[in-house]
Amino acid sequence: MSVINIQEKLNLFSDRWSPKKIGELNGQQILLAKIKGEFVFHNHENEDELFMVLKGQLLLELRDEIITLNEGEFYIVPKGVDHKPIAKEEVHLLLFEPLSTKHTGNVMADITVETYESI
């Protein structure tokens, strides 16, 4: 294991909505993502998902409310809860989720990623 510099990892990619794996621990994966625009409503039936904003402002639209996350804040979407990430400007995210978590849950979309690239 070596020290991981998050900013150096973010500098390695520019594509959006395609999380990159930067580590694993105890059955969890640590991902970085750059996003802009709207994702699709989806849920993860058996897994919680942590969204931490490193840069920008993220809106997490749930069916009954919108959660606003600013830089340095995080929110855990409980398993089974429908959510749709929205970024009006580019947002950089750190995500923690179980290895079994599918990118868009059971929803297949043009932006669905089957396997995360490790960087």
C-alpha atoms as a PDB file:
ATOM      1  CA  MET A   1       0.000   0.000   0.000  1.00  0.00           C
ATOM      2  CA  SER A   2       1.187   3.495  -0.757  1.00  0.00           C
ATOM      3  CA  VAL A   3      -0.020   7.007  -0.022  1.00  0.00           C
ATOM      4  CA  ILE A   4      -2.794   8.093  -2.380  1.00  0.00           C
ATOM      5  CA  ASN A   5      -3.068  11.755  -3.322  1.00  0.00           C
ATOM      6  CA  ILE A   6      -6.675  12.472  -4.250  1.00  0.00           C
ATOM      7  CA  GLN A   7      -5.875  15.560  -6.343  1.00  0.00           C
ATOM      8  CA  GLU A   8      -3.244  13.649  -8.338  1.00  0.00           C
ATOM      9  CA  LYS A   9      -5.822  10.930  -9.041  1.00  0.00           C
ATOM     10  CA  LEU A  10      -8.427  13.506 -10.103  1.00  0.00           C
ATOM     11  CA  ASN A  11      -5.884  14.981 -12.534  1.00  0.00           C
ATOM     12  CA  LEU A  12      -5.639  11.599 -14.314  1.00  0.00           C
ATOM     13  CA  PHE A  13      -9.103  11.742 -15.885  1.00  0.00           C
ATOM     14  CA  SER A  14     -11.637  14.165 -17.307  1.00  0.00           C
ATOM     15  CA  ASP A  15     -14.578  11.950 -18.282  1.00  0.00           C
ATOM     16  CA  ARG A  16     -17.785  12.479 -16.365  1.00  0.00           C
ATOM     17  CA  TRP A  17     -20.192   9.990 -14.786  1.00  0.00           C
ATOM     18  CA  SER A  18     -17.535   7.266 -14.913  1.00  0.00           C
ATOM     19  CA  PRO A  19     -16.223   6.648 -11.373  1.00  0.00           C
ATOM     20  CA  LYS A  20     -12.611   5.527 -10.965  1.00  0.00           C
ATOM     21  CA  LYS A  21     -11.577   3.119  -8.235  1.00  0.00           C
ATOM     22  CA  ILE A  22      -8.722   4.348  -6.058  1.00  0.00           C
ATOM     23  CA  GLY A  23      -8.888   1.783  -3.268  1.00  0.00           C
ATOM     24  CA  GLU A  24     -10.676  -0.998  -1.429  1.00  0.00           C
ATOM     25  CA  LEU A  25     -11.095  -1.782   2.235  1.00  0.00           C
ATOM     26  CA  ASN A  26     -13.219  -4.278   4.136  1.00  0.00           C
ATOM     27  CA  GLY A  27     -15.462  -5.061   1.175  1.00  0.00           C
ATOM     28  CA  GLN A  28     -15.871  -1.369   0.294  1.00  0.00           C
ATOM     29  CA  GLN A  29     -14.618   0.466  -2.759  1.00  0.00           C
ATOM     30  CA  ILE A  30     -13.382   4.047  -2.758  1.00  0.00           C
ATOM     31  CA  LEU A  31     -14.230   5.877  -5.947  1.00  0.00           C
ATOM     32  CA  LEU A  32     -13.579   9.293  -7.449  1.00  0.00           C
ATOM     33  CA  ALA A  33     -15.969  10.815  -9.964  1.00  0.00           C
ATOM     34  CA  LYS A  34     -16.407  13.989 -11.929  1.00  0.00           C
ATOM     35  CA  ILE A  35     -19.977  14.833 -12.802  1.00  0.00           C
ATOM     36  CA  LYS A  36     -21.981  17.552 -14.504  1.00  0.00           C
ATOM     37  CA  GLY A  37     -25.644  17.529 -15.447  1.00  0.00           C
ATOM     38  CA  GLU A  38     -28.259  15.048 -14.290  1.00  0.00           C
ATOM     39  CA  PHE A  39     -27.896  11.331 -13.642  1.00  0.00           C
ATOM     40  CA  VAL A  40     -30.829   8.893 -13.644  1.00  0.00           C
ATOM     41  CA  PHE A  41     -33.094   8.022 -10.741  1.00  0.00           C
ATOM     42  CA  HIS A  42     -31.926   4.702  -9.337  1.00  0.00           C
ATOM     43  CA  ASN A  43     -31.386   2.888  -6.066  1.00  0.00           C
ATOM     44  CA  HIS A  44     -29.165   0.229  -4.609  1.00  0.00           C
ATOM     45  CA  GLU A  45     -31.443  -2.387  -3.122  1.00  0.00           C
ATOM     46  CA  ASN A  46     -28.925  -3.826  -0.657  1.00  0.00           C
ATOM     47  CA  GLU A  47     -26.216  -1.180  -0.273  1.00  0.00           C
ATOM     48  CA  ASP A  48     -25.859   2.248   1.328  1.00  0.00           C
ATOM     49  CA  GLU A  49     -23.842   4.780  -0.712  1.00  0.00           C
ATOM     50  CA  LEU A  50     -21.764   7.689   0.596  1.00  0.00           C
ATOM     51  CA  PHE A  51     -21.362  10.837  -1.512  1.00  0.00           C
ATOM     52  CA  MET A  52     -18.677  13.306  -0.366  1.00  0.00           C
ATOM     53  CA  VAL A  53     -18.235  16.554  -2.272  1.00  0.00           C
ATOM     54  CA  LEU A  54     -14.597  17.497  -2.862  1.00  0.00           C
ATOM     55  CA  LYS A  55     -15.336  20.365  -5.257  1.00  0.00           C
ATOM     56  CA  GLY A  56     -18.541  22.138  -6.246  1.00  0.00           C
ATOM     57  CA  GLN A  57     -22.114  21.638  -5.121  1.00  0.00           C
ATOM     58  CA  LEU A  58     -24.118  18.430  -5.502  1.00  0.00           C
ATOM     59  CA  LEU A  59     -27.871  18.142  -5.431  1.00  0.00           C
ATOM     60  CA  LEU A  60     -29.148  14.703  -4.477  1.00  0.00           C
ATOM     61  CA  GLU A  61     -32.751  14.500  -5.595  1.00  0.00           C
ATOM     62  CA  LEU A  62     -34.765  11.991  -3.609  1.00  0.00           C
ATOM     63  CA  ARG A  63     -38.425  11.246  -4.328  1.00  0.00           C
ATOM     64  CA  ASP A  64     -39.625  13.585  -1.563  1.00  0.00           C
ATOM     65  CA  GLU A  65     -36.779  16.101  -1.060  1.00  0.00           C
ATOM     66  CA  ILE A  66     -33.562  17.524  -2.451  1.00  0.00           C
ATOM     67  CA  ILE A  67     -30.367  17.321  -0.390  1.00  0.00           C
ATOM     68  CA  THR A  68     -27.763  20.032  -1.108  1.00  0.00           C
ATOM     69  CA  LEU A  69     -24.132  19.110  -0.465  1.00  0.00           C
ATOM     70  CA  ASN A  70     -21.320  21.652  -0.537  1.00  0.00           C
ATOM     71  CA  GLU A  71     -17.556  21.118  -0.535  1.00  0.00           C
ATOM     72  CA  GLY A  72     -16.434  19.082   2.463  1.00  0.00           C
ATOM     73  CA  GLU A  73     -19.909  17.660   3.147  1.00  0.00           C
ATOM     74  CA  PHE A  74     -21.186  14.132   2.701  1.00  0.00           C
ATOM     75  CA  TYR A  75     -24.485  12.303   2.737  1.00  0.00           C
ATOM     76  CA  ILE A  76     -25.249   8.602   2.984  1.00  0.00           C
ATOM     77  CA  VAL A  77     -28.087   7.435   0.764  1.00  0.00           C
ATOM     78  CA  PRO A  78     -29.675   4.469   2.566  1.00  0.00           C
ATOM     79  CA  LYS A  79     -30.146   1.230   0.675  1.00  0.00           C
ATOM     80  CA  GLY A  80     -33.334   1.064  -1.348  1.00  0.00           C
ATOM     81  CA  VAL A  81     -33.778   4.866  -1.542  1.00  0.00           C
ATOM     82  CA  ASP A  82     -34.286   6.279  -5.051  1.00  0.00           C
ATOM     83  CA  HIS A  83     -31.829   9.076  -5.770  1.00  0.00           C
ATOM     84  CA  LYS A  84     -30.632  11.174  -8.688  1.00  0.00           C
ATOM     85  CA  PRO A  85     -27.381  13.164  -8.465  1.00  0.00           C
ATOM     86  CA  ILE A  86     -27.466  16.583 -10.151  1.00  0.00           C
ATOM     87  CA  ALA A  87     -24.549  18.947 -10.739  1.00  0.00           C
ATOM     88  CA  LYS A  88     -25.223  22.330 -12.341  1.00  0.00           C
ATOM     89  CA  GLU A  89     -21.450  22.875 -12.633  1.00  0.00           C
ATOM     90  CA  GLU A  90     -18.723  20.236 -12.539  1.00  0.00           C
ATOM     91  CA  VAL A  91     -18.548  18.446  -9.181  1.00  0.00           C
ATOM     92  CA  HIS A  92     -15.767  16.192  -7.910  1.00  0.00           C
ATOM     93  CA  LEU A  93     -16.928  13.378  -5.638  1.00  0.00           C
ATOM     94  CA  LEU A  94     -15.453  10.775  -3.335  1.00  0.00           C
ATOM     95  CA  LEU A  95     -17.753   7.758  -3.076  1.00  0.00           C
ATOM     96  CA  PHE A  96     -17.724   4.870  -0.619  1.00  0.00           C
ATOM     97  CA  GLU A  97     -19.858   1.843  -1.391  1.00  0.00           C
ATOM     98  CA  PRO A  98     -19.753  -1.950  -1.134  1.00  0.00           C
ATOM     99  CA  LEU A  99     -17.928  -3.775  -3.917  1.00  0.00           C
ATOM    100  CA  SER A 100     -21.261  -5.325  -4.968  1.00  0.00           C
ATOM    101  CA  THR A 101     -22.856  -1.934  -5.745  1.00  0.00           C
ATOM    102  CA  LYS A 102     -23.876  -1.498  -9.371  1.00  0.00           C
ATOM    103  CA  HIS A 103     -23.329   1.952 -10.898  1.00  0.00           C
ATOM    104  CA  THR A 104     -26.995   2.623 -11.699  1.00  0.00           C
ATOM    105  CA  GLY A 105     -28.558  -0.088  -9.533  1.00  0.00           C
ATOM    106  CA  ASN A 106     -31.015  -2.123 -11.589  1.00  0.00           C
ATOM    107  CA  VAL A 107     -31.498   0.717 -14.096  1.00  0.00           C
ATOM    108  CA  MET A 108     -29.613   0.390 -17.373  1.00  0.00           C
ATOM    109  CA  ALA A 109     -28.836   3.701 -19.073  1.00  0.00           C
ATOM    110  CA  ASP A 110     -26.407   5.102 -21.640  1.00  0.00           C
ATOM    111  CA  ILE A 111     -24.198   6.267 -18.778  1.00  0.00           C
ATOM    112  CA  THR A 112     -24.126   2.934 -16.912  1.00  0.00           C
ATOM    113  CA  VAL A 113     -20.598   1.714 -16.176  1.00  0.00           C
ATOM    114  CA  GLU A 114     -20.264  -2.058 -15.766  1.00  0.00           C
ATOM    115  CA  THR A 115     -16.704  -2.161 -14.359  1.00  0.00           C
ATOM    116  CA  TYR A 116     -14.885   0.693 -12.701  1.00  0.00           C
ATOM    117  CA  GLU A 117     -11.414   1.505 -13.974  1.00  0.00           C
ATOM    118  CA  SER A 118      -8.743   1.449 -11.268  1.00  0.00           C
ATOM    119  CA  ILE A 119      -6.362   4.394 -11.295  1.00  0.00           C
END
